[in-house]
Amino acid sequence: VVLVEYDLDMEVDRVRHVVRLRILPFIVGSTLLALVIGWAMRRYVSLPLARLEAANAAFMRGDAQMASVEETGPQEITALTRSFNIMRDHMQQAQAELEASQAHFRELANAGRVLVWSCDADGRLNCVNNVWLAFSGQQADQLKGRLWFEVMHPDDAPQVQELFRFARERHQQFSTEFRMANFAGDMRWMLCDSSLQLNAQGELVGFIGHCLDITERKAD
């Protein structure tokens, strides 16, 4: 029987020394490299995508004043961002043109003595011009949502309502006369002409019309 004893402390110290000289710098370098890659991914990929996502959310909410998105990041993200900015510019231009057109229409609608109105397919008022408000002495929120047959003389309403139903079913314009009270409570004869309002699919969504006070003409 041979008993051999060997002190391994020196070998352990040598291995530890090798680890410190070779493995630890590699671990530290790998960690720093991972941090740099993470920072670069966040700055050049995650943040551009987050900005684009926020801009898209604002676009879906209909925010017309949203700013353009900074075109940074990889080529694919930059190209996607540029396309989004072009679409945003077109939409803002179209929105500005629409608002200008609506303002011009309101100016035309409020000019003269003609009462202009619009209603949905069920006959509920959704818009009247200032001439109508001045004639009736009512506010817009008092009229919005009301069936327009309710604003006329009750003796004339059934006939006009039947004419409206006929025009709605056949997608036709209609013209009629009825009495309506003015702000002083006097019944005035109105000549009313209407046109169809269709959506992009050609479906009837309502009517737009104008009324003219013809009381003196009927008296003559």
C-alpha atoms as a PDB file:
ATOM      1  CA  VAL A   1       0.000   0.000   0.000  1.00  0.00           C
ATOM      2  CA  VAL A   2       1.392   3.334  -1.098  1.00  0.00           C
ATOM      3  CA  LEU A   3      -0.042   6.563   0.303  1.00  0.00           C
ATOM      4  CA  VAL A   4       0.601   9.643  -1.826  1.00  0.00           C
ATOM      5  CA  GLU A   5      -0.309  13.117  -0.649  1.00  0.00           C
ATOM      6  CA  TYR A   6      -0.271  16.148  -3.022  1.00  0.00           C
ATOM      7  CA  ASP A   7      -1.073  19.746  -2.169  1.00  0.00           C
ATOM      8  CA  LEU A   8      -3.451  21.194  -4.888  1.00  0.00           C
ATOM      9  CA  ASP A   9      -3.478  24.780  -3.617  1.00  0.00           C
ATOM     10  CA  MET A  10      -0.898  25.864  -6.139  1.00  0.00           C
ATOM     11  CA  GLU A  11      -2.893  24.295  -9.016  1.00  0.00           C
ATOM     12  CA  VAL A  12      -6.081  26.030  -7.846  1.00  0.00           C
ATOM     13  CA  ASP A  13      -4.281  29.363  -7.686  1.00  0.00           C
ATOM     14  CA  ARG A  14      -2.914  28.810 -11.182  1.00  0.00           C
ATOM     15  CA  VAL A  15      -6.366  28.043 -12.588  1.00  0.00           C
ATOM     16  CA  ARG A  16      -7.798  31.099 -10.889  1.00  0.00           C
ATOM     17  CA  HIS A  17      -5.030  33.211 -12.351  1.00  0.00           C
ATOM     18  CA  VAL A  18      -5.796  31.869 -15.842  1.00  0.00           C
ATOM     19  CA  VAL A  19      -9.474  32.629 -15.336  1.00  0.00           C
ATOM     20  CA  ARG A  20      -8.717  36.172 -14.310  1.00  0.00           C
ATOM     21  CA  LEU A  21      -6.393  36.711 -17.251  1.00  0.00           C
ATOM     22  CA  ARG A  22      -8.514  35.075 -19.979  1.00  0.00           C
ATOM     23  CA  ILE A  23     -12.105  34.284 -19.066  1.00  0.00           C
ATOM     24  CA  LEU A  24     -13.079  37.337 -17.020  1.00  0.00           C
ATOM     25  CA  PRO A  25     -12.015  39.852 -19.710  1.00  0.00           C
ATOM     26  CA  PHE A  26     -14.005  37.805 -22.216  1.00  0.00           C
ATOM     27  CA  ILE A  27     -17.083  37.906 -19.976  1.00  0.00           C
ATOM     28  CA  VAL A  28     -16.700  41.629 -19.371  1.00  0.00           C
ATOM     29  CA  GLY A  29     -16.179  42.279 -23.083  1.00  0.00           C
ATOM     30  CA  SER A  30     -19.204  40.168 -24.002  1.00  0.00           C
ATOM     31  CA  THR A  31     -21.330  42.026 -21.453  1.00  0.00           C
ATOM     32  CA  LEU A  32     -20.221  45.408 -22.760  1.00  0.00           C
ATOM     33  CA  LEU A  33     -20.839  44.273 -26.340  1.00  0.00           C
ATOM     34  CA  ALA A  34     -24.336  43.099 -25.402  1.00  0.00           C
ATOM     35  CA  LEU A  35     -25.047  46.458 -23.757  1.00  0.00           C
ATOM     36  CA  VAL A  36     -23.819  48.338 -26.823  1.00  0.00           C
ATOM     37  CA  ILE A  37     -25.914  46.161 -29.133  1.00  0.00           C
ATOM     38  CA  GLY A  38     -28.944  46.656 -26.884  1.00  0.00           C
ATOM     39  CA  TRP A  39     -28.434  50.429 -26.864  1.00  0.00           C
ATOM     40  CA  ALA A  40     -28.030  50.484 -30.651  1.00  0.00           C
ATOM     41  CA  MET A  41     -31.133  48.312 -31.150  1.00  0.00           C
ATOM     42  CA  ARG A  42     -33.153  50.598 -28.916  1.00  0.00           C
ATOM     43  CA  ARG A  43     -31.950  53.810 -30.546  1.00  0.00           C
ATOM     44  CA  TYR A  44     -32.019  52.733 -34.175  1.00  0.00           C
ATOM     45  CA  VAL A  45     -34.829  50.129 -34.161  1.00  0.00           C
ATOM     46  CA  SER A  46     -37.051  50.217 -31.070  1.00  0.00           C
ATOM     47  CA  LEU A  47     -37.406  54.006 -30.770  1.00  0.00           C
ATOM     48  CA  PRO A  48     -38.137  54.574 -34.507  1.00  0.00           C
ATOM     49  CA  LEU A  49     -40.718  51.806 -34.385  1.00  0.00           C
ATOM     50  CA  ALA A  50     -42.235  53.282 -31.210  1.00  0.00           C
ATOM     51  CA  ARG A  51     -42.458  56.738 -32.830  1.00  0.00           C
ATOM     52  CA  LEU A  52     -44.062  55.227 -35.914  1.00  0.00           C
ATOM     53  CA  GLU A  53     -46.523  53.275 -33.766  1.00  0.00           C
ATOM     54  CA  ALA A  54     -47.474  56.429 -31.817  1.00  0.00           C
ATOM     55  CA  ALA A  55     -47.917  58.382 -35.051  1.00  0.00           C
ATOM     56  CA  ASN A  56     -50.091  55.610 -36.470  1.00  0.00           C
ATOM     57  CA  ALA A  57     -52.251  55.651 -33.330  1.00  0.00           C
ATOM     58  CA  ALA A  58     -52.647  59.441 -33.655  1.00  0.00           C
ATOM     59  CA  PHE A  59     -53.542  58.984 -37.324  1.00  0.00           C
ATOM     60  CA  MET A  60     -56.222  56.422 -36.434  1.00  0.00           C
ATOM     61  CA  ARG A  61     -57.656  58.858 -33.861  1.00  0.00           C
ATOM     62  CA  GLY A  62     -57.937  61.448 -36.630  1.00  0.00           C
ATOM     63  CA  ASP A  63     -55.357  63.856 -35.199  1.00  0.00           C
ATOM     64  CA  ALA A  64     -54.996  66.257 -38.125  1.00  0.00           C
ATOM     65  CA  GLN A  65     -52.195  68.254 -36.440  1.00  0.00           C
ATOM     66  CA  MET A  66     -49.801  65.371 -35.813  1.00  0.00           C
ATOM     67  CA  ALA A  67     -46.184  66.116 -36.713  1.00  0.00           C
ATOM     68  CA  SER A  68     -44.160  64.159 -39.233  1.00  0.00           C
ATOM     69  CA  VAL A  69     -42.180  61.187 -37.926  1.00  0.00           C
ATOM     70  CA  GLU A  70     -38.376  61.452 -37.832  1.00  0.00           C
ATOM     71  CA  GLU A  71     -36.950  59.237 -40.573  1.00  0.00           C
ATOM     72  CA  THR A  72     -34.223  57.340 -38.706  1.00  0.00           C
ATOM     73  CA  GLY A  73     -33.234  53.730 -38.250  1.00  0.00           C
ATOM     74  CA  PRO A  74     -32.509  50.874 -40.657  1.00  0.00           C
ATOM     75  CA  GLN A  75     -33.330  51.259 -44.318  1.00  0.00           C
ATOM     76  CA  GLU A  76     -36.584  49.303 -44.076  1.00  0.00           C
ATOM     77  CA  ILE A  77     -37.879  51.370 -41.148  1.00  0.00           C
ATOM     78  CA  THR A  78     -36.785  54.611 -42.815  1.00  0.00           C
ATOM     79  CA  ALA A  79     -38.654  53.670 -46.000  1.00  0.00           C
ATOM     80  CA  LEU A  80     -41.762  52.751 -44.002  1.00  0.00           C
ATOM     81  CA  THR A  81     -41.584  56.034 -42.063  1.00  0.00           C
ATOM     82  CA  ARG A  82     -41.149  58.037 -45.271  1.00  0.00           C
ATOM     83  CA  SER A  83     -44.232  56.380 -46.769  1.00  0.00           C
ATOM     84  CA  PHE A  84     -46.197  57.182 -43.622  1.00  0.00           C
ATOM     85  CA  ASN A  85     -45.114  60.842 -43.750  1.00  0.00           C
ATOM     86  CA  ILE A  86     -46.150  61.100 -47.403  1.00  0.00           C
ATOM     87  CA  MET A  87     -49.555  59.627 -46.554  1.00  0.00           C
ATOM     88  CA  ARG A  88     -49.855  62.053 -43.629  1.00  0.00           C
ATOM     89  CA  ASP A  89     -49.080  65.020 -45.881  1.00  0.00           C
ATOM     90  CA  HIS A  90     -51.697  63.925 -48.402  1.00  0.00           C
ATOM     91  CA  MET A  91     -54.294  63.406 -45.676  1.00  0.00           C
ATOM     92  CA  GLN A  92     -53.610  66.803 -44.096  1.00  0.00           C
ATOM     93  CA  GLN A  93     -53.844  68.489 -47.492  1.00  0.00           C
ATOM     94  CA  ALA A  94     -57.123  66.704 -48.210  1.00  0.00           C
ATOM     95  CA  GLN A  95     -58.424  67.664 -44.757  1.00  0.00           C
ATOM     96  CA  ALA A  96     -57.501  71.312 -45.332  1.00  0.00           C
ATOM     97  CA  GLU A  97     -59.227  71.288 -48.727  1.00  0.00           C
ATOM     98  CA  LEU A  98     -62.306  69.658 -47.196  1.00  0.00           C
ATOM     99  CA  GLU A  99     -62.465  72.233 -44.390  1.00  0.00           C
ATOM    100  CA  ALA A 100     -62.112  75.050 -46.924  1.00  0.00           C
ATOM    101  CA  SER A 101     -64.865  73.522 -49.034  1.00  0.00           C
ATOM    102  CA  GLN A 102     -67.127  73.130 -46.006  1.00  0.00           C
ATOM    103  CA  ALA A 103     -66.477  76.730 -44.964  1.00  0.00           C
ATOM    104  CA  HIS A 104     -67.306  77.900 -48.480  1.00  0.00           C
ATOM    105  CA  PHE A 105     -70.484  75.818 -48.450  1.00  0.00           C
ATOM    106  CA  ARG A 106     -71.508  77.298 -45.099  1.00  0.00           C
ATOM    107  CA  GLU A 107     -70.968  80.793 -46.472  1.00  0.00           C
ATOM    108  CA  LEU A 108     -73.141  79.999 -49.473  1.00  0.00           C
ATOM    109  CA  ALA A 109     -75.750  78.288 -47.316  1.00  0.00           C
ATOM    110  CA  ASN A 110     -75.986  81.265 -44.957  1.00  0.00           C
ATOM    111  CA  ALA A 111     -76.297  83.811 -47.744  1.00  0.00           C
ATOM    112  CA  GLY A 112     -79.675  85.082 -48.925  1.00  0.00           C
ATOM    113  CA  ARG A 113     -83.126  84.163 -47.670  1.00  0.00           C
ATOM    114  CA  VAL A 114     -83.102  80.403 -48.302  1.00  0.00           C
ATOM    115  CA  LEU A 115     -83.485  77.975 -45.391  1.00  0.00           C
ATOM    116  CA  VAL A 116     -80.996  75.134 -45.968  1.00  0.00           C
ATOM    117  CA  TRP A 117     -81.258  71.837 -44.103  1.00  0.00           C
ATOM    118  CA  SER A 118     -80.087  68.230 -44.216  1.00  0.00           C
ATOM    119  CA  CYS A 119     -81.434  65.096 -42.575  1.00  0.00           C
ATOM    120  CA  ASP A 120     -80.632  61.400 -42.361  1.00  0.00           C
ATOM    121  CA  ALA A 121     -82.574  58.677 -44.156  1.00  0.00           C
ATOM    122  CA  ASP A 122     -85.134  58.614 -41.325  1.00  0.00           C
ATOM    123  CA  GLY A 123     -85.832  62.330 -41.639  1.00  0.00           C
ATOM    124  CA  ARG A 124     -83.956  63.494 -38.531  1.00  0.00           C
ATOM    125  CA  LEU A 125     -82.347  66.907 -38.921  1.00  0.00           C
ATOM    126  CA  ASN A 126     -78.568  66.976 -38.602  1.00  0.00           C
ATOM    127  CA  CYS A 127     -77.810  70.445 -39.965  1.00  0.00           C
ATOM    128  CA  VAL A 128     -79.618  73.729 -40.635  1.00  0.00           C
ATOM    129  CA  ASN A 129     -78.180  77.054 -41.762  1.00  0.00           C
ATOM    130  CA  ASN A 130     -78.237  80.370 -39.938  1.00  0.00           C
ATOM    131  CA  VAL A 131     -81.157  81.575 -42.058  1.00  0.00           C
ATOM    132  CA  TRP A 132     -83.271  78.725 -40.673  1.00  0.00           C
ATOM    133  CA  LEU A 133     -82.204  79.556 -37.111  1.00  0.00           C
ATOM    134  CA  ALA A 134     -83.044  83.247 -37.590  1.00  0.00           C
ATOM    135  CA  PHE A 135     -86.400  82.337 -39.143  1.00  0.00           C
ATOM    136  CA  SER A 136     -87.397  79.919 -36.377  1.00  0.00           C
ATOM    137  CA  GLY A 137     -85.749  81.710 -33.444  1.00  0.00           C
ATOM    138  CA  GLN A 138     -84.303  78.377 -32.270  1.00  0.00           C
ATOM    139  CA  GLN A 139     -80.800  77.110 -31.593  1.00  0.00           C
ATOM    140  CA  ALA A 140     -79.109  74.403 -33.647  1.00  0.00           C
ATOM    141  CA  ASP A 141     -79.063  71.956 -30.709  1.00  0.00           C
ATOM    142  CA  GLN A 142     -82.831  72.361 -30.350  1.00  0.00           C
ATOM    143  CA  LEU A 143     -83.365  71.159 -33.912  1.00  0.00           C
ATOM    144  CA  LYS A 144     -80.640  68.566 -34.339  1.00  0.00           C
ATOM    145  CA  GLY A 145     -82.032  65.034 -34.110  1.00  0.00           C
ATOM    146  CA  ARG A 146     -85.670  66.113 -34.472  1.00  0.00           C
ATOM    147  CA  LEU A 147     -87.817  64.709 -37.257  1.00  0.00           C
ATOM    148  CA  TRP A 148     -88.224  67.557 -39.700  1.00  0.00           C
ATOM    149  CA  PHE A 149     -91.967  66.800 -39.970  1.00  0.00           C
ATOM    150  CA  GLU A 150     -92.252  68.033 -36.379  1.00  0.00           C
ATOM    151  CA  VAL A 151     -91.305  71.599 -37.333  1.00  0.00           C
ATOM    152  CA  MET A 152     -94.178  72.063 -39.783  1.00  0.00           C
ATOM    153  CA  HIS A 153     -97.906  72.594 -39.346  1.00  0.00           C
ATOM    154  CA  PRO A 154     -99.524  69.375 -38.047  1.00  0.00           C
ATOM    155  CA  ASP A 155    -102.115  69.475 -40.822  1.00  0.00           C
ATOM    156  CA  ASP A 156     -99.372  69.417 -43.472  1.00  0.00           C
ATOM    157  CA  ALA A 157     -97.069  66.881 -41.805  1.00  0.00           C
ATOM    158  CA  PRO A 158     -98.857  63.606 -42.814  1.00  0.00           C
ATOM    159  CA  GLN A 159     -98.858  64.458 -46.512  1.00  0.00           C
ATOM    160  CA  VAL A 160     -95.211  65.565 -46.472  1.00  0.00           C
ATOM    161  CA  GLN A 161     -94.213  62.510 -44.452  1.00  0.00           C
ATOM    162  CA  GLU A 162     -95.835  60.208 -46.998  1.00  0.00           C
ATOM    163  CA  LEU A 163     -94.063  62.054 -49.826  1.00  0.00           C
ATOM    164  CA  PHE A 164     -90.764  61.695 -47.957  1.00  0.00           C
ATOM    165  CA  ARG A 165     -91.306  57.949 -47.475  1.00  0.00           C
ATOM    166  CA  PHE A 166     -92.118  57.544 -51.174  1.00  0.00           C
ATOM    167  CA  ALA A 167     -88.975  59.441 -52.209  1.00  0.00           C
ATOM    168  CA  ARG A 168     -86.801  57.468 -49.774  1.00  0.00           C
ATOM    169  CA  GLU A 169     -88.001  54.098 -51.010  1.00  0.00           C
ATOM    170  CA  ARG A 170     -87.471  55.023 -54.680  1.00  0.00           C
ATOM    171  CA  HIS A 171     -84.347  57.144 -54.174  1.00  0.00           C
ATOM    172  CA  GLN A 172     -85.996  60.166 -55.726  1.00  0.00           C
ATOM    173  CA  GLN A 173     -85.901  63.885 -55.125  1.00  0.00           C
ATOM    174  CA  PHE A 174     -89.054  65.558 -53.943  1.00  0.00           C
ATOM    175  CA  SER A 175     -90.616  68.996 -53.864  1.00  0.00           C
ATOM    176  CA  THR A 176     -93.470  70.083 -51.614  1.00  0.00           C
ATOM    177  CA  GLU A 177     -95.139  72.973 -49.836  1.00  0.00           C
ATOM    178  CA  PHE A 178     -96.021  73.216 -46.162  1.00  0.00           C
ATOM    179  CA  ARG A 179     -96.573  75.729 -43.402  1.00  0.00           C
ATOM    180  CA  MET A 180     -94.002  76.398 -40.703  1.00  0.00           C
ATOM    181  CA  ALA A 181     -94.040  78.809 -37.771  1.00  0.00           C
ATOM    182  CA  ASN A 182     -91.481  81.615 -37.662  1.00  0.00           C
ATOM    183  CA  PHE A 183     -89.877  83.105 -34.523  1.00  0.00           C
ATOM    184  CA  ALA A 184     -93.003  85.210 -33.883  1.00  0.00           C
ATOM    185  CA  GLY A 185     -95.314  82.183 -34.106  1.00  0.00           C
ATOM    186  CA  ASP A 186     -96.787  83.172 -37.475  1.00  0.00           C
ATOM    187  CA  MET A 187     -97.428  80.333 -39.940  1.00  0.00           C
ATOM    188  CA  ARG A 188     -95.559  80.898 -43.182  1.00  0.00           C
ATOM    189  CA  TRP A 189     -95.858  78.915 -46.407  1.00  0.00           C
ATOM    190  CA  MET A 190     -92.577  77.276 -47.450  1.00  0.00           C
ATOM    191  CA  LEU A 191     -91.602  75.839 -50.829  1.00  0.00           C
ATOM    192  CA  CYS A 192     -89.185  72.969 -50.176  1.00  0.00           C
ATOM    193  CA  ASP A 193     -86.958  71.155 -52.693  1.00  0.00           C
ATOM    194  CA  SER A 194     -84.618  68.309 -51.762  1.00  0.00           C
ATOM    195  CA  SER A 195     -81.786  66.256 -53.237  1.00  0.00           C
ATOM    196  CA  LEU A 196     -80.449  62.814 -52.351  1.00  0.00           C
ATOM    197  CA  GLN A 197     -77.336  62.230 -50.259  1.00  0.00           C
ATOM    198  CA  LEU A 198     -75.565  59.000 -51.248  1.00  0.00           C
ATOM    199  CA  ASN A 199     -72.442  57.387 -49.819  1.00  0.00           C
ATOM    200  CA  ALA A 200     -69.555  55.942 -51.835  1.00  0.00           C
ATOM    201  CA  GLN A 201     -71.468  52.682 -52.290  1.00  0.00           C
ATOM    202  CA  GLY A 202     -74.484  54.506 -53.747  1.00  0.00           C
ATOM    203  CA  GLU A 203     -76.602  53.920 -50.642  1.00  0.00           C
ATOM    204  CA  LEU A 204     -79.041  56.567 -49.471  1.00  0.00           C
ATOM    205  CA  VAL A 205     -77.828  58.229 -46.264  1.00  0.00           C
ATOM    206  CA  GLY A 206     -80.140  61.248 -46.219  1.00  0.00           C
ATOM    207  CA  PHE A 207     -81.479  64.310 -47.973  1.00  0.00           C
ATOM    208  CA  ILE A 208     -80.325  67.889 -48.328  1.00  0.00           C
ATOM    209  CA  GLY A 209     -82.810  70.584 -49.199  1.00  0.00           C
ATOM    210  CA  HIS A 210     -83.735  74.236 -49.144  1.00  0.00           C
ATOM    211  CA  CYS A 211     -86.936  76.055 -48.296  1.00  0.00           C
ATOM    212  CA  LEU A 212     -88.148  79.440 -49.485  1.00  0.00           C
ATOM    213  CA  ASP A 213     -90.835  81.567 -47.860  1.00  0.00           C
ATOM    214  CA  ILE A 214     -93.626  81.906 -50.487  1.00  0.00           C
ATOM    215  CA  THR A 215     -96.369  83.257 -48.240  1.00  0.00           C
ATOM    216  CA  GLU A 216     -96.761  86.516 -50.209  1.00  0.00           C
ATOM    217  CA  ARG A 217     -96.611  84.627 -53.502  1.00  0.00           C
ATOM    218  CA  LYS A 218     -99.458  82.342 -52.422  1.00  0.00           C
ATOM    219  CA  ALA A 219    -101.436  85.329 -51.188  1.00  0.00           C
ATOM    220  CA  ASP A 220    -101.047  86.969 -54.613  1.00  0.00           C
END
